[in-house]
């Protein structure tokens, strides 16, 4: 995926996306490939996507548990 596509996807400016991708590249999470004037990035280990699925499940479970602990109370304890 090229930086321009990622920029649109996350809604940030090109500079911000490029800086984050540089950090991910340095950490070994993504690889880059220059094609003409564009740089394309890919995950070095696609299993990373499983982490996001797991994190989403944890967040949903936590939210559900928090709602249950409110015991049907509305906002602000009303």
PDB file of N, CA and C in Angstrom:
ATOM      1  N   UNK A   1       0.857  -1.162   0.000  1.00  0.00           N
ATOM      2  CA  UNK A   1       0.000   0.000   0.000  1.00  0.00           C
ATOM      3  C   UNK A   1       0.905   1.228   0.000  1.00  0.00           C
ATOM      4  N   UNK A   2       0.566   2.199  -0.804  1.00  0.00           N
ATOM      5  CA  UNK A   2       1.414   3.389  -0.871  1.00  0.00           C
ATOM      6  C   UNK A   2       1.037   4.367   0.236  1.00  0.00           C
ATOM      7  N   UNK A   3       1.964   5.265   0.539  1.00  0.00           N
ATOM      8  CA  UNK A   3       1.767   6.244   1.595  1.00  0.00           C
ATOM      9  C   UNK A   3       0.507   7.071   1.342  1.00  0.00           C
ATOM     10  N   UNK A   4       0.260   7.433   0.097  1.00  0.00           N
ATOM     11  CA  UNK A   4      -0.916   8.260  -0.212  1.00  0.00           C
ATOM     12  C   UNK A   4      -2.206   7.525   0.140  1.00  0.00           C
ATOM     13  N   UNK A   5      -2.264   6.224  -0.106  1.00  0.00           N
ATOM     14  CA  UNK A   5      -3.453   5.441   0.258  1.00  0.00           C
ATOM     15  C   UNK A   5      -3.619   5.361   1.774  1.00  0.00           C
ATOM     16  N   UNK A   6      -2.504   5.154   2.460  1.00  0.00           N
ATOM     17  CA  UNK A   6      -2.549   5.090   3.922  1.00  0.00           C
ATOM     18  C   UNK A   6      -2.982   6.429   4.510  1.00  0.00           C
ATOM     19  N   UNK A   7      -2.517   7.519   3.901  1.00  0.00           N
ATOM     20  CA  UNK A   7      -2.875   8.851   4.377  1.00  0.00           C
ATOM     21  C   UNK A   7      -4.383   9.031   4.319  1.00  0.00           C
ATOM     22  N   UNK A   8      -4.981   8.637   3.218  1.00  0.00           N
ATOM     23  CA  UNK A   8      -6.435   8.746   3.074  1.00  0.00           C
ATOM     24  C   UNK A   8      -7.160   7.849   4.076  1.00  0.00           C
ATOM     25  N   UNK A   9      -6.626   6.661   4.270  1.00  0.00           N
ATOM     26  CA  UNK A   9      -7.255   5.695   5.161  1.00  0.00           C
ATOM     27  C   UNK A   9      -7.302   6.192   6.603  1.00  0.00           C
ATOM     28  N   UNK A  10      -6.207   6.778   7.083  1.00  0.00           N
ATOM     29  CA  UNK A  10      -6.156   7.218   8.482  1.00  0.00           C
ATOM     30  C   UNK A  10      -6.545   8.674   8.664  1.00  0.00           C
ATOM     31  N   UNK A  11      -6.613   9.432   7.582  1.00  0.00           N
ATOM     32  CA  UNK A  11      -7.042  10.822   7.678  1.00  0.00           C
ATOM     33  C   UNK A  11      -6.013  11.763   8.271  1.00  0.00           C
ATOM     34  N   UNK A  12      -4.747  11.457   8.098  1.00  0.00           N
ATOM     35  CA  UNK A  12      -3.674  12.327   8.581  1.00  0.00           C
ATOM     36  C   UNK A  12      -2.893  12.880   7.400  1.00  0.00           C
ATOM     37  N   UNK A  13      -2.057  13.862   7.696  1.00  0.00           N
ATOM     38  CA  UNK A  13      -1.253  14.429   6.619  1.00  0.00           C
ATOM     39  C   UNK A  13      -0.118  13.479   6.256  1.00  0.00           C
ATOM     40  N   UNK A  14       0.415  13.673   5.071  1.00  0.00           N
ATOM     41  CA  UNK A  14       1.450  12.797   4.522  1.00  0.00           C
ATOM     42  C   UNK A  14       2.680  12.714   5.424  1.00  0.00           C
ATOM     43  N   UNK A  15       3.074  13.841   5.987  1.00  0.00           N
ATOM     44  CA  UNK A  15       4.247  13.888   6.855  1.00  0.00           C
ATOM     45  C   UNK A  15       4.075  12.998   8.086  1.00  0.00           C
ATOM     46  N   UNK A  16       2.908  13.068   8.709  1.00  0.00           N
ATOM     47  CA  UNK A  16       2.636  12.266   9.906  1.00  0.00           C
ATOM     48  C   UNK A  16       2.661  10.778   9.579  1.00  0.00           C
ATOM     49  N   UNK A  17       2.005  10.409   8.495  1.00  0.00           N
ATOM     50  CA  UNK A  17       1.967   9.001   8.097  1.00  0.00           C
ATOM     51  C   UNK A  17       3.370   8.504   7.781  1.00  0.00           C
ATOM     52  N   UNK A  18       4.142   9.296   7.071  1.00  0.00           N
ATOM     53  CA  UNK A  18       5.511   8.911   6.718  1.00  0.00           C
ATOM     54  C   UNK A  18       6.372   8.709   7.961  1.00  0.00           C
ATOM     55  N   UNK A  19       6.222   9.584   8.936  1.00  0.00           N
ATOM     56  CA  UNK A  19       7.001   9.457  10.181  1.00  0.00           C
ATOM     57  C   UNK A  19       6.636   8.180  10.928  1.00  0.00           C
ATOM     58  N   UNK A  20       5.348   7.873  11.001  1.00  0.00           N
ATOM     59  CA  UNK A  20       4.926   6.646  11.682  1.00  0.00           C
ATOM     60  C   UNK A  20       5.420   5.409  10.931  1.00  0.00           C
ATOM     61  N   UNK A  21       5.368   5.454   9.609  1.00  0.00           N
ATOM     62  CA  UNK A  21       5.864   4.324   8.830  1.00  0.00           C
ATOM     63  C   UNK A  21       7.371   4.135   9.007  1.00  0.00           C
ATOM     64  N   UNK A  22       8.101   5.228   9.153  1.00  0.00           N
ATOM     65  CA  UNK A  22       9.545   5.130   9.390  1.00  0.00           C
ATOM     66  C   UNK A  22       9.824   4.423  10.718  1.00  0.00           C
ATOM     67  N   UNK A  23       9.025   4.724  11.736  1.00  0.00           N
ATOM     68  CA  UNK A  23       9.181   4.057  13.038  1.00  0.00           C
ATOM     69  C   UNK A  23       8.881   2.572  12.906  1.00  0.00           C
ATOM     70  N   UNK A  24       7.783   2.252  12.199  1.00  0.00           N
ATOM     71  CA  UNK A  24       7.414   0.847  12.002  1.00  0.00           C
ATOM     72  C   UNK A  24       8.464   0.098  11.182  1.00  0.00           C
ATOM     73  N   UNK A  25       9.035   0.772  10.207  1.00  0.00           N
ATOM     74  CA  UNK A  25      10.094   0.162   9.395  1.00  0.00           C
ATOM     75  C   UNK A  25      11.326  -0.112  10.253  1.00  0.00           C
ATOM     76  N   UNK A  26      11.704   0.866  11.060  1.00  0.00           N
ATOM     77  CA  UNK A  26      12.870   0.711  11.932  1.00  0.00           C
ATOM     78  C   UNK A  26      12.660  -0.437  12.935  1.00  0.00           C
ATOM     79  N   UNK A  27      11.420  -0.630  13.363  1.00  0.00           N
ATOM     80  CA  UNK A  27      11.091  -1.701  14.309  1.00  0.00           C
ATOM     81  C   UNK A  27      10.965  -3.059  13.626  1.00  0.00           C
ATOM     82  N   UNK A  28      10.997  -3.077  12.292  1.00  0.00           N
ATOM     83  CA  UNK A  28      10.906  -4.328  11.563  1.00  0.00           C
ATOM     84  C   UNK A  28       9.493  -4.810  11.312  1.00  0.00           C
ATOM     85  N   UNK A  29       8.507  -3.945  11.536  1.00  0.00           N
ATOM     86  CA  UNK A  29       7.116  -4.339  11.354  1.00  0.00           C
ATOM     87  C   UNK A  29       6.703  -4.266   9.881  1.00  0.00           C
ATOM     88  N   UNK A  30       7.192  -3.255   9.172  1.00  0.00           N
ATOM     89  CA  UNK A  30       6.864  -3.097   7.758  1.00  0.00           C
ATOM     90  C   UNK A  30       8.132  -3.082   6.911  1.00  0.00           C
ATOM     91  N   UNK A  31       7.958  -3.409   5.649  1.00  0.00           N
ATOM     92  CA  UNK A  31       9.028  -3.308   4.659  1.00  0.00           C
ATOM     93  C   UNK A  31       8.583  -2.286   3.626  1.00  0.00           C
ATOM     94  N   UNK A  32       9.537  -1.633   2.986  1.00  0.00           N
ATOM     95  CA  UNK A  32       9.172  -0.652   1.965  1.00  0.00           C
ATOM     96  C   UNK A  32       9.812  -1.005   0.629  1.00  0.00           C
ATOM     97  N   UNK A  33       9.177  -0.520  -0.425  1.00  0.00           N
ATOM     98  CA  UNK A  33       9.677  -0.743  -1.783  1.00  0.00           C
ATOM     99  C   UNK A  33       9.376   0.511  -2.593  1.00  0.00           C
ATOM    100  N   UNK A  34      10.413   1.102  -3.143  1.00  0.00           N
ATOM    101  CA  UNK A  34      10.233   2.306  -3.951  1.00  0.00           C
ATOM    102  C   UNK A  34       9.903   1.895  -5.385  1.00  0.00           C
ATOM    103  N   UNK A  35       8.818   2.486  -5.904  1.00  0.00           N
ATOM    104  CA  UNK A  35       8.403   2.256  -7.290  1.00  0.00           C
ATOM    105  C   UNK A  35       8.206   3.629  -7.920  1.00  0.00           C
ATOM    106  N   UNK A  36       9.180   4.026  -8.696  1.00  0.00           N
ATOM    107  CA  UNK A  36       9.136   5.363  -9.282  1.00  0.00           C
ATOM    108  C   UNK A  36       9.243   6.402  -8.186  1.00  0.00           C
ATOM    109  N   UNK A  37       8.276   7.295  -8.120  1.00  0.00           N
ATOM    110  CA  UNK A  37       8.311   8.340  -7.098  1.00  0.00           C
ATOM    111  C   UNK A  37       7.510   7.960  -5.856  1.00  0.00           C
ATOM    112  N   UNK A  38       6.883   6.781  -5.857  1.00  0.00           N
ATOM    113  CA  UNK A  38       6.078   6.358  -4.718  1.00  0.00           C
ATOM    114  C   UNK A  38       6.772   5.266  -3.928  1.00  0.00           C
ATOM    115  N   UNK A  39       6.462   5.214  -2.636  1.00  0.00           N
ATOM    116  CA  UNK A  39       6.974   4.167  -1.761  1.00  0.00           C
ATOM    117  C   UNK A  39       5.787   3.340  -1.295  1.00  0.00           C
ATOM    118  N   UNK A  40       5.919   2.032  -1.447  1.00  0.00           N
ATOM    119  CA  UNK A  40       4.869   1.111  -1.037  1.00  0.00           C
ATOM    120  C   UNK A  40       5.326   0.351   0.201  1.00  0.00           C
ATOM    121  N   UNK A  41       4.411   0.153   1.125  1.00  0.00           N
ATOM    122  CA  UNK A  41       4.723  -0.540   2.374  1.00  0.00           C
ATOM    123  C   UNK A  41       3.913  -1.816   2.470  1.00  0.00           C
ATOM    124  N   UNK A  42       4.512  -2.809   3.115  1.00  0.00           N
ATOM    125  CA  UNK A  42       3.813  -4.071   3.372  1.00  0.00           C
ATOM    126  C   UNK A  42       4.238  -4.583   4.737  1.00  0.00           C
ATOM    127  N   UNK A  43       3.361  -5.389   5.328  1.00  0.00           N
ATOM    128  CA  UNK A  43       3.703  -5.994   6.614  1.00  0.00           C
ATOM    129  C   UNK A  43       4.768  -7.056   6.391  1.00  0.00           C
ATOM    130  N   UNK A  44       5.776  -7.056   7.234  1.00  0.00           N
ATOM    131  CA  UNK A  44       6.804  -8.098   7.124  1.00  0.00           C
ATOM    132  C   UNK A  44       6.293  -9.413   7.683  1.00  0.00           C
ATOM    133  N   UNK A  45       5.426  -9.337   8.678  1.00  0.00           N
ATOM    134  CA  UNK A  45       4.828 -10.525   9.288  1.00  0.00           C
ATOM    135  C   UNK A  45       3.319 -10.329   9.327  1.00  0.00           C
ATOM    136  N   UNK A  46       2.600 -10.867   8.358  1.00  0.00           N
ATOM    137  CA  UNK A  46       1.149 -10.665   8.299  1.00  0.00           C
ATOM    138  C   UNK A  46       0.404 -11.100   9.559  1.00  0.00           C
ATOM    139  N   UNK A  47       1.034 -11.926  10.394  1.00  0.00           N
ATOM    140  CA  UNK A  47       0.369 -12.365  11.629  1.00  0.00           C
ATOM    141  C   UNK A  47       0.082 -11.188  12.560  1.00  0.00           C
ATOM    142  N   UNK A  48       0.687 -10.029  12.295  1.00  0.00           N
ATOM    143  CA  UNK A  48       0.436  -8.835  13.099  1.00  0.00           C
ATOM    144  C   UNK A  48      -1.047  -8.491  13.084  1.00  0.00           C
ATOM    145  N   UNK A  49      -1.724  -8.772  11.989  1.00  0.00           N
ATOM    146  CA  UNK A  49      -3.155  -8.444  11.910  1.00  0.00           C
ATOM    147  C   UNK A  49      -3.963  -9.210  12.946  1.00  0.00           C
ATOM    148  N   UNK A  50      -3.498 -10.396  13.347  1.00  0.00           N
ATOM    149  CA  UNK A  50      -4.188 -11.169  14.386  1.00  0.00           C
ATOM    150  C   UNK A  50      -4.167 -10.408  15.711  1.00  0.00           C
ATOM    151  N   UNK A  51      -3.128  -9.647  15.947  1.00  0.00           N
ATOM    152  CA  UNK A  51      -3.045  -8.839  17.165  1.00  0.00           C
ATOM    153  C   UNK A  51      -4.196  -7.840  17.222  1.00  0.00           C
ATOM    154  N   UNK A  52      -4.491  -7.207  16.100  1.00  0.00           N
ATOM    155  CA  UNK A  52      -5.562  -6.217  16.071  1.00  0.00           C
ATOM    156  C   UNK A  52      -6.921  -6.867  16.335  1.00  0.00           C
ATOM    157  N   UNK A  53      -7.124  -8.057  15.803  1.00  0.00           N
ATOM    158  CA  UNK A  53      -8.356  -8.792  16.064  1.00  0.00           C
ATOM    159  C   UNK A  53      -8.470  -9.117  17.545  1.00  0.00           C
ATOM    160  N   UNK A  54      -7.374  -9.537  18.128  1.00  0.00           N
ATOM    161  CA  UNK A  54      -7.346  -9.855  19.551  1.00  0.00           C
ATOM    162  C   UNK A  54      -7.599  -8.601  20.392  1.00  0.00           C
ATOM    163  N   UNK A  55      -6.939  -7.510  20.062  1.00  0.00           N
ATOM    164  CA  UNK A  55      -7.115  -6.261  20.807  1.00  0.00           C
ATOM    165  C   UNK A  55      -8.560  -5.785  20.727  1.00  0.00           C
ATOM    166  N   UNK A  56      -9.174  -5.915  19.559  1.00  0.00           N
ATOM    167  CA  UNK A  56     -10.572  -5.515  19.399  1.00  0.00           C
ATOM    168  C   UNK A  56     -11.474  -6.360  20.297  1.00  0.00           C
ATOM    169  N   UNK A  57     -11.211  -7.651  20.381  1.00  0.00           N
ATOM    170  CA  UNK A  57     -12.000  -8.533  21.238  1.00  0.00           C
ATOM    171  C   UNK A  57     -11.868  -8.143  22.703  1.00  0.00           C
ATOM    172  N   UNK A  58     -10.658  -7.825  23.125  1.00  0.00           N
ATOM    173  CA  UNK A  58     -10.428  -7.410  24.509  1.00  0.00           C
ATOM    174  C   UNK A  58     -11.192  -6.121  24.809  1.00  0.00           C
ATOM    175  N   UNK A  59     -11.128  -5.150  23.898  1.00  0.00           N
ATOM    176  CA  UNK A  59     -11.824  -3.880  24.108  1.00  0.00           C
ATOM    177  C   UNK A  59     -13.338  -4.071  24.181  1.00  0.00           C
ATOM    178  N   UNK A  60     -13.879  -4.922  23.302  1.00  0.00           N
ATOM    179  CA  UNK A  60     -15.319  -5.179  23.322  1.00  0.00           C
ATOM    180  C   UNK A  60     -15.732  -5.852  24.622  1.00  0.00           C
ATOM    181  N   UNK A  61     -14.951  -6.819  25.073  1.00  0.00           N
ATOM    182  CA  UNK A  61     -15.244  -7.526  26.321  1.00  0.00           C
ATOM    183  C   UNK A  61     -15.184  -6.567  27.493  1.00  0.00           C
ATOM    184  N   UNK A  62     -14.183  -5.708  27.523  1.00  0.00           N
ATOM    185  CA  UNK A  62     -14.041  -4.734  28.605  1.00  0.00           C
ATOM    186  C   UNK A  62     -15.232  -3.782  28.637  1.00  0.00           C
ATOM    187  N   UNK A  63     -15.639  -3.298  27.470  1.00  0.00           N
ATOM    188  CA  UNK A  63     -16.788  -2.394  27.391  1.00  0.00           C
ATOM    189  C   UNK A  63     -18.058  -3.098  27.875  1.00  0.00           C
ATOM    190  N   UNK A  64     -18.231  -4.344  27.464  1.00  0.00           N
ATOM    191  CA  UNK A  64     -19.406  -5.108  27.886  1.00  0.00           C
ATOM    192  C   UNK A  64     -19.411  -5.290  29.399  1.00  0.00           C
ATOM    193  N   UNK A  65     -18.255  -5.636  29.970  1.00  0.00           N
ATOM    194  CA  UNK A  65     -18.146  -5.817  31.418  1.00  0.00           C
ATOM    195  C   UNK A  65     -18.421  -4.516  32.165  1.00  0.00           C
ATOM    196  N   UNK A  66     -17.938  -3.413  31.618  1.00  0.00           N
ATOM    197  CA  UNK A  66     -18.167  -2.118  32.265  1.00  0.00           C
ATOM    198  C   UNK A  66     -19.642  -1.741  32.228  1.00  0.00           C
ATOM    199  N   UNK A  67     -20.305  -2.006  31.102  1.00  0.00           N
ATOM    200  CA  UNK A  67     -21.740  -1.729  31.014  1.00  0.00           C
ATOM    201  C   UNK A  67     -22.509  -2.583  32.017  1.00  0.00           C
ATOM    202  N   UNK A  68     -22.115  -3.846  32.135  1.00  0.00           N
ATOM    203  CA  UNK A  68     -22.791  -4.745  33.067  1.00  0.00           C
ATOM    204  C   UNK A  68     -22.578  -4.300  34.520  1.00  0.00           C
ATOM    205  N   UNK A  69     -21.404  -3.778  34.811  1.00  0.00           N
ATOM    206  CA  UNK A  69     -21.127  -3.351  36.183  1.00  0.00           C
ATOM    207  C   UNK A  69     -21.907  -2.089  36.555  1.00  0.00           C
ATOM    208  N   UNK A  70     -22.400  -1.355  35.568  1.00  0.00           N
ATOM    209  CA  UNK A  70     -23.235  -0.191  35.853  1.00  0.00           C
ATOM    210  C   UNK A  70     -24.630  -0.621  36.325  1.00  0.00           C
ATOM    211  N   UNK A  71     -24.969  -1.861  36.064  1.00  0.00           N
ATOM    212  CA  UNK A  71     -26.230  -2.416  36.543  1.00  0.00           C
ATOM    213  C   UNK A  71     -27.475  -1.717  36.016  1.00  0.00           C
ATOM    214  N   UNK A  72     -27.415  -1.297  34.760  1.00  0.00           N
ATOM    215  CA  UNK A  72     -28.594  -0.691  34.157  1.00  0.00           C
ATOM    216  C   UNK A  72     -28.751   0.790  34.463  1.00  0.00           C
ATOM    217  N   UNK A  73     -27.813   1.348  35.226  1.00  0.00           N
ATOM    218  CA  UNK A  73     -27.894   2.792  35.500  1.00  0.00           C
ATOM    219  C   UNK A  73     -27.640   3.570  34.239  1.00  0.00           C
ATOM    220  N   UNK A  74     -28.263   4.695  34.115  1.00  0.00           N
ATOM    221  CA  UNK A  74     -28.062   5.578  32.971  1.00  0.00           C
ATOM    222  C   UNK A  74     -26.775   6.365  33.150  1.00  0.00           C
ATOM    223  N   UNK A  75     -26.602   7.330  32.323  1.00  0.00           N
ATOM    224  CA  UNK A  75     -25.423   8.185  32.405  1.00  0.00           C
ATOM    225  C   UNK A  75     -25.431   8.947  33.717  1.00  0.00           C
ATOM    226  N   UNK A  76     -24.274   9.192  34.225  1.00  0.00           N
ATOM    227  CA  UNK A  76     -24.074   9.969  35.462  1.00  0.00           C
ATOM    228  C   UNK A  76     -24.778   9.310  36.645  1.00  0.00           C
ATOM    229  N   UNK A  77     -24.945   8.018  36.600  1.00  0.00           N
ATOM    230  CA  UNK A  77     -25.521   7.290  37.727  1.00  0.00           C
ATOM    231  C   UNK A  77     -27.011   7.502  37.920  1.00  0.00           C
ATOM    232  N   UNK A  78     -27.678   8.113  36.974  1.00  0.00           N
ATOM    233  CA  UNK A  78     -29.118   8.396  37.115  1.00  0.00           C
ATOM    234  C   UNK A  78     -29.950   7.175  36.842  1.00  0.00           C
TER     235      UNK A  78
END
